[in-house]
């Protein structure tokens, strides 16, 4: 099963993803894409770490998510990736020229994976159109990424105010 969990900032998407992961398995691989460049981000990361079980395996990977899926491609595995928004940010920052190839490699690995995969991503399309070109490119790419991921997922859930709303279940 592949599941995409979308939502805005503080919508409850990560909490819901962790709940789903706990229901699927006690043996979860948590893939964190965040990087702590400032104190505020360090605080966010610590909050997330405190919320999840200590026995979950942690892999910190800001860029090469396809390699994680290829390495842990067993049906009994449960992988939670939090989050695709920071992954996109990292890819655009470090490898902007390769983004489309990176995205396609990830979607291909996701499509062929036998593992249970839970993906967390921000829904940025409810906001106003940003006033600068870089932010508009980011929002466009995030929207297209979410659409492409949703196509290959069995289930898509939107979280709003801590309430999960199932919008796709195949």
Foldseek 3Di string as FASTA:
>chain_A
DEEEEEEAVPLQRLVVLLVVLVVLDPAEEEEEQDDPPDPVSVVVVVVSVVNHDPNYHYHYDNEQPLVVLVVPQDLSYEYEYPAVLSSLVSCCVPPVVCVVVSLVSNLVSVLPGNYYYYYYAYQPVVDDQDPDDVVNVSNVVSVVSVVSSVVSGQWYWYGGNSDTDTDHHD
